[in-house]
Protein backbone atom coordinates (compact mmCIF):
# COMPACT_ATOMS: atom_id res chain seq x y z
CA UNK A 1 78.82 123.81 -40.80
CA UNK A 2 81.11 126.28 -39.07
CA UNK A 3 79.80 129.34 -37.21
CA UNK A 4 82.16 132.32 -37.47
CA UNK A 5 81.86 135.59 -35.56
CA UNK A 6 84.79 137.75 -36.70
CA UNK A 7 85.69 139.37 -40.00
CA UNK A 8 89.29 138.15 -39.88
CA UNK A 9 88.29 134.53 -39.26
CA UNK A 10 85.66 134.66 -42.01
CA UNK A 11 88.17 135.94 -44.53
CA UNK A 12 90.77 133.40 -43.42
CA UNK A 13 88.31 130.51 -43.71
CA UNK A 14 87.50 131.42 -47.32
CA UNK A 15 91.02 132.31 -48.48
CA UNK A 16 91.75 128.74 -49.53
CA UNK A 17 88.41 128.47 -51.35
CA UNK A 18 88.84 131.26 -53.86
CA UNK A 19 89.25 128.81 -56.75
CA UNK A 20 85.78 127.43 -55.99
CA UNK A 21 82.36 128.99 -56.54
CA UNK A 22 81.15 130.70 -53.39
CA UNK A 23 77.42 131.33 -52.98
CA UNK A 24 76.23 133.83 -50.39
CA UNK A 25 72.85 134.46 -48.76
CA UNK A 26 72.70 137.55 -46.51
CA UNK A 27 69.93 137.43 -43.87
CA UNK A 28 68.90 139.04 -40.61
CA UNK A 29 68.06 135.65 -39.17
CA UNK A 30 64.90 134.09 -37.77
CA UNK A 31 65.00 131.94 -40.86
CA UNK A 32 61.90 130.71 -42.67
CA UNK A 33 61.36 128.62 -45.79
CA UNK A 34 61.93 131.68 -47.97
CA UNK A 35 65.47 132.04 -46.66
CA UNK A 36 66.03 128.30 -46.86
CA UNK A 37 64.95 128.24 -50.52
CA UNK A 38 67.76 130.70 -51.30
CA UNK A 39 70.25 128.49 -49.48
CA UNK A 40 69.02 125.38 -51.26
CA UNK A 41 69.46 127.06 -54.63
CA UNK A 42 72.94 128.25 -53.64
CA UNK A 43 73.75 124.67 -52.60
CA UNK A 44 72.71 123.41 -56.04
CA UNK A 45 74.75 126.01 -57.93
CA UNK A 46 77.85 126.59 -55.81
CA UNK A 47 80.73 124.66 -54.27
CA UNK A 48 80.63 126.55 -50.97
CA UNK A 49 77.57 128.17 -49.35
CA UNK A 50 77.94 131.02 -46.87
CA UNK A 51 75.10 132.76 -45.08
CA UNK A 52 75.20 135.74 -42.77
CA UNK A 53 72.90 136.42 -39.85
CA UNK A 54 73.21 140.03 -38.80
CA UNK A 55 70.45 142.37 -37.65
CA UNK A 56 71.83 145.52 -39.20
CA UNK A 57 71.11 148.65 -37.11
CA UNK A 58 71.88 151.01 -40.00
CA UNK A 59 68.72 149.99 -41.86
CA UNK A 60 66.35 150.60 -38.96
CA UNK A 61 64.96 154.07 -38.38
CA UNK A 62 63.82 155.69 -35.13
CA UNK A 63 60.81 153.88 -33.66
CA UNK A 64 61.28 150.80 -35.87
CA UNK A 65 61.56 147.25 -34.56
CA UNK A 66 65.33 146.84 -34.15
CA UNK A 67 65.19 145.79 -30.50
CA UNK A 68 62.29 143.39 -30.89
CA UNK A 69 63.33 141.93 -34.24
CA UNK A 70 63.12 138.13 -33.65
CA UNK A 71 66.40 136.37 -32.99
CA UNK A 72 67.17 132.68 -32.39
CA UNK A 73 70.67 131.69 -33.47
CA UNK A 74 70.46 128.10 -32.25
CA UNK A 75 67.28 127.48 -34.27
CA UNK A 76 68.71 129.26 -37.32
CA UNK A 77 71.97 127.32 -37.19
CA UNK A 78 70.10 124.03 -37.09
CA UNK A 79 67.98 124.98 -40.12
CA UNK A 80 71.00 126.22 -42.07
CA UNK A 81 72.97 123.07 -41.27
CA UNK A 82 70.10 120.89 -42.47
CA UNK A 83 70.11 122.48 -45.95
CA UNK A 84 73.87 122.13 -46.38
CA UNK A 85 75.29 125.55 -45.49
CA UNK A 86 79.07 125.43 -45.02
CA UNK A 87 79.66 128.68 -43.10
CA UNK A 88 77.36 130.82 -40.97
CA UNK A 89 78.79 134.31 -40.43
CA UNK A 90 77.29 135.82 -37.26
CA UNK A 91 79.17 139.00 -36.33
CA UNK A 92 78.26 141.33 -33.50
CA UNK A 93 77.35 144.96 -34.12
CA UNK A 94 80.73 145.97 -32.66
CA UNK A 95 82.49 143.61 -35.06
CA UNK A 96 80.74 145.07 -38.11
CA UNK A 97 80.83 148.67 -36.88
CA UNK A 98 83.77 149.00 -34.46
CA UNK A 99 83.32 152.75 -34.66
CA UNK A 100 80.58 154.98 -36.03
CA UNK A 101 80.94 154.70 -39.83
CA UNK A 102 81.71 157.90 -41.68
CA UNK A 103 81.18 156.18 -45.02
CA UNK A 104 77.84 154.99 -46.32
CA UNK A 105 76.78 153.68 -49.72
CA UNK A 106 73.85 155.53 -51.27
CA UNK A 107 71.98 154.51 -54.39
CA UNK A 108 69.90 157.44 -55.62
CA UNK A 109 66.58 157.68 -57.48
CA UNK A 110 65.27 154.13 -57.03
CA UNK A 111 65.54 154.50 -53.25
CA UNK A 112 63.44 157.66 -53.12
CA UNK A 113 59.98 156.06 -53.32
CA UNK A 114 58.11 153.02 -51.99
CA UNK A 115 59.93 151.71 -48.90
CA UNK A 116 62.70 154.28 -49.35
CA UNK A 117 60.21 157.13 -49.05
CA UNK A 118 58.50 155.58 -46.04
CA UNK A 119 61.76 154.63 -44.30
CA UNK A 120 64.35 157.40 -44.85
CA UNK A 121 67.90 156.07 -44.66
CA UNK A 122 66.80 152.44 -44.87
CA UNK A 123 68.41 151.65 -48.21
CA UNK A 124 71.64 153.47 -47.31
CA UNK A 125 71.85 151.02 -44.42
CA UNK A 126 71.10 148.07 -46.69
CA UNK A 127 73.58 149.10 -49.38
CA UNK A 128 76.29 149.80 -46.81
CA UNK A 129 75.99 146.48 -44.99
CA UNK A 130 75.73 144.47 -48.23
CA UNK A 131 78.85 146.24 -49.51
CA UNK A 132 80.68 145.30 -46.32
CA UNK A 133 79.49 141.71 -46.52
CA UNK A 134 80.47 141.43 -50.18
CA UNK A 135 83.97 142.65 -49.30
CA UNK A 136 84.25 140.19 -46.40
CA UNK A 137 82.81 137.11 -48.15
CA UNK A 138 83.82 137.95 -51.75
CA UNK A 139 81.13 135.65 -53.21
CA UNK A 140 80.76 134.68 -56.83
CA UNK A 141 76.98 134.52 -56.56
CA UNK A 142 74.61 136.23 -54.10
CA UNK A 143 70.98 135.21 -53.65
CA UNK A 144 68.11 137.61 -52.91
CA UNK A 145 64.36 137.08 -52.75
CA UNK A 146 61.95 138.90 -55.05
CA UNK A 147 59.61 139.70 -52.17
CA UNK A 148 61.94 142.61 -51.43
CA UNK A 149 61.90 143.67 -55.09
CA UNK A 150 62.99 147.25 -54.42
CA UNK A 151 65.90 146.00 -52.34
CA UNK A 152 66.85 143.65 -55.18
CA UNK A 153 66.78 146.55 -57.66
CA UNK A 154 68.98 148.61 -55.34
CA UNK A 155 71.53 145.80 -54.93
CA UNK A 156 71.63 145.11 -58.67
CA UNK A 157 72.16 148.81 -59.40
CA UNK A 158 74.93 149.03 -56.80
CA UNK A 159 76.67 145.95 -58.20
CA UNK A 160 76.59 147.40 -61.72
CA UNK A 161 77.66 150.89 -60.69
CA UNK A 162 80.53 149.76 -58.46
CA UNK A 163 81.67 146.81 -60.61
CA UNK A 164 81.32 144.21 -57.88
CA UNK A 165 82.53 140.86 -59.27
CA UNK A 166 79.38 139.06 -58.11
CA UNK A 167 76.33 137.71 -59.90
CA UNK A 168 73.09 138.69 -58.17
CA UNK A 169 70.55 135.85 -58.39
CA UNK A 170 66.86 136.80 -57.96
CA UNK A 171 64.71 134.07 -56.40
CA UNK A 172 60.94 133.67 -56.32
CA UNK A 173 58.91 134.71 -53.29
CA UNK A 174 58.02 131.82 -50.99
CA UNK A 175 54.51 131.85 -49.52
CA UNK A 176 52.54 130.27 -46.72
CA UNK A 177 49.81 127.80 -47.72
CA UNK A 178 47.24 130.64 -47.74
CA UNK A 179 49.41 132.85 -49.95
CA UNK A 180 50.89 135.25 -47.38
CA UNK A 181 54.48 136.06 -48.33
CA UNK A 182 56.90 134.52 -45.84
CA UNK A 183 58.54 137.08 -43.56
CA UNK A 184 60.29 137.01 -40.21
CA UNK A 185 57.86 139.74 -39.14
CA UNK A 186 54.79 137.54 -39.64
CA UNK A 187 55.24 136.30 -36.04
CA UNK A 188 54.19 139.77 -34.83
CA UNK A 189 50.67 139.41 -36.28
CA UNK A 190 47.74 138.62 -34.02
CA UNK A 191 45.45 135.80 -35.13
CA UNK A 192 42.96 138.25 -36.62
CA UNK A 193 45.67 140.37 -38.27
CA UNK A 194 47.16 137.19 -39.73
CA UNK A 195 43.76 136.15 -41.10
CA UNK A 196 43.19 139.53 -42.75
CA UNK A 197 46.76 139.87 -44.08
CA UNK A 198 46.13 137.28 -46.81
CA UNK A 199 44.27 140.05 -48.68
CA UNK A 200 47.64 141.29 -50.01
CA UNK A 201 48.28 138.20 -52.08
CA UNK A 202 44.61 137.77 -52.93
CA UNK A 203 44.44 141.30 -54.38
CA UNK A 204 47.61 140.77 -56.40
CA UNK A 205 46.45 137.42 -57.76
CA UNK A 206 43.09 138.90 -58.73
CA UNK A 207 44.68 141.85 -60.51
CA UNK A 208 46.98 139.48 -62.40
CA UNK A 209 43.96 137.65 -63.81
CA UNK A 210 42.29 140.91 -64.75
CA UNK A 211 45.48 142.11 -66.45
CA UNK A 212 45.61 138.89 -68.47
CA UNK A 213 42.01 139.52 -69.48
CA UNK A 214 42.84 143.07 -70.56
CA UNK A 215 40.51 144.70 -68.02
CA UNK A 216 42.97 147.48 -67.11
CA UNK A 217 44.70 149.96 -69.39
CA UNK A 218 46.30 152.37 -66.90
CA UNK A 219 48.40 152.14 -63.76
CA UNK A 220 45.85 154.26 -61.91
CA UNK A 221 43.13 151.67 -62.57
CA UNK A 222 45.36 148.91 -61.22
CA UNK A 223 46.28 150.90 -58.12
CA UNK A 224 42.65 151.73 -57.35
CA UNK A 225 41.54 148.12 -57.68
CA UNK A 226 44.29 146.88 -55.35
CA UNK A 227 43.60 149.69 -52.86
CA UNK A 228 39.90 148.86 -52.78
CA UNK A 229 40.50 145.15 -52.27
CA UNK A 230 43.07 145.62 -49.50
CA UNK A 231 40.94 148.33 -47.92
CA UNK A 232 38.10 145.83 -47.58
CA UNK A 233 39.89 144.45 -44.52
CA UNK A 234 39.22 146.71 -41.52
CA UNK A 235 42.63 146.23 -39.87
CA UNK A 236 44.62 147.07 -43.04
CA UNK A 237 46.31 150.47 -43.11
CA UNK A 238 47.71 151.02 -46.60
CA UNK A 239 51.10 152.73 -46.77
CA UNK A 240 51.41 152.56 -50.55
CA UNK A 241 50.12 150.83 -53.67
CA UNK A 242 52.20 151.66 -56.74
CA UNK A 243 52.42 150.33 -60.29
CA UNK A 244 55.85 151.16 -61.73
CA UNK A 245 58.38 150.18 -64.37
CA UNK A 246 60.86 147.60 -63.10
CA UNK A 247 63.72 147.75 -62.18
CA UNK A 248 63.97 151.51 -62.82
CA UNK A 249 60.86 152.17 -60.67
CA UNK A 250 59.83 154.96 -63.02
CA UNK A 251 56.17 156.03 -62.76
CA UNK A 252 53.80 154.72 -65.40
CA UNK A 253 50.55 155.88 -66.92
CA UNK A 254 49.76 153.10 -69.37
CA UNK A 255 50.80 149.47 -68.96
CA UNK A 256 53.14 149.41 -71.95
CA UNK A 257 56.51 149.01 -70.26
CA UNK A 258 58.46 145.79 -70.81
CA UNK A 259 58.41 144.75 -67.13
CA UNK A 260 56.08 146.17 -64.48
CA UNK A 261 55.81 145.84 -60.71
CA UNK A 262 52.75 146.35 -58.53
CA UNK A 263 54.19 146.95 -55.05
CA UNK A 264 52.25 147.24 -51.81
CA UNK A 265 53.08 148.02 -48.19
CA UNK A 266 50.38 147.62 -45.57
CA UNK A 267 50.37 147.79 -41.79
CA UNK A 268 48.36 145.46 -39.62
CA UNK A 269 48.69 146.83 -36.12
CA UNK A 270 52.38 147.58 -35.63
CA UNK A 271 53.48 145.08 -38.28
CA UNK A 272 54.49 146.35 -41.71
CA UNK A 273 54.09 143.85 -44.55
CA UNK A 274 55.20 144.18 -48.16
CA UNK A 275 54.35 142.18 -51.25
CA UNK A 276 54.47 142.64 -55.00
CA UNK A 277 53.59 141.28 -58.39
CA UNK A 278 56.07 141.39 -61.27
CA UNK A 279 54.66 140.88 -64.74
CA UNK A 280 55.47 141.45 -68.38
CA UNK A 281 53.83 144.56 -69.80
CA UNK A 282 52.56 144.97 -73.34
CA UNK A 283 55.81 146.40 -74.65
CA UNK A 284 56.54 150.01 -75.45
CA UNK A 285 53.95 151.56 -77.77
């Protein structure tokens, strides 16, 4: 595996590989098994696998955890090498943004709720950096986890709208043994916060069973059940619980849309966790 730090060297390294299938996994580093599962899938499906590790300042708002976001390049490089990554692109902030950018990429509507509502400007930062990375790497396939389902919807919309010649590949959420969705931010949780945080997945699993049994008929009923279950943990501070059409993220009343997402964001102390459940609705009535 080769570690590359400049845009020009990254482009040069891939110029001779354009006849091959290039798979790309963008990350902010501090890799966990969720990231590695994306890389493993890319390794199975592509001739060349490229990952990026770049903590993107554009997607962090004032007071967010940019400075304390966990970083360990040596550890990450070892993990990436072990799963067969060919190139690790690790640019500096100055390399990616040599001057203050006057151009940003904005996807409207689907960024105006959920995490987009709670973190103004976040998805402009995501869309801008992914656009830059797509132009630098020029991958055939790009791999994103479904844990960040709103982010995935934003990237897919951007790719369609701007005719990027890349296939976006959604990949299942990887979880710890107790069901907590894997996240680089999990290391921030205290022991008690970590113990209580499993309620997110527990609530979603329970509501899935109840949906299969036909116990809910409206989105409001689903939201209230999930809120009550998460709220049973004293350290949980709910930011949102929403049941929406996916990937349009349109609001729902009944559960008749073809595909539906239940999305949650909850804070435990200073740590913000997200999770979701995607399921097939009952079809339009």
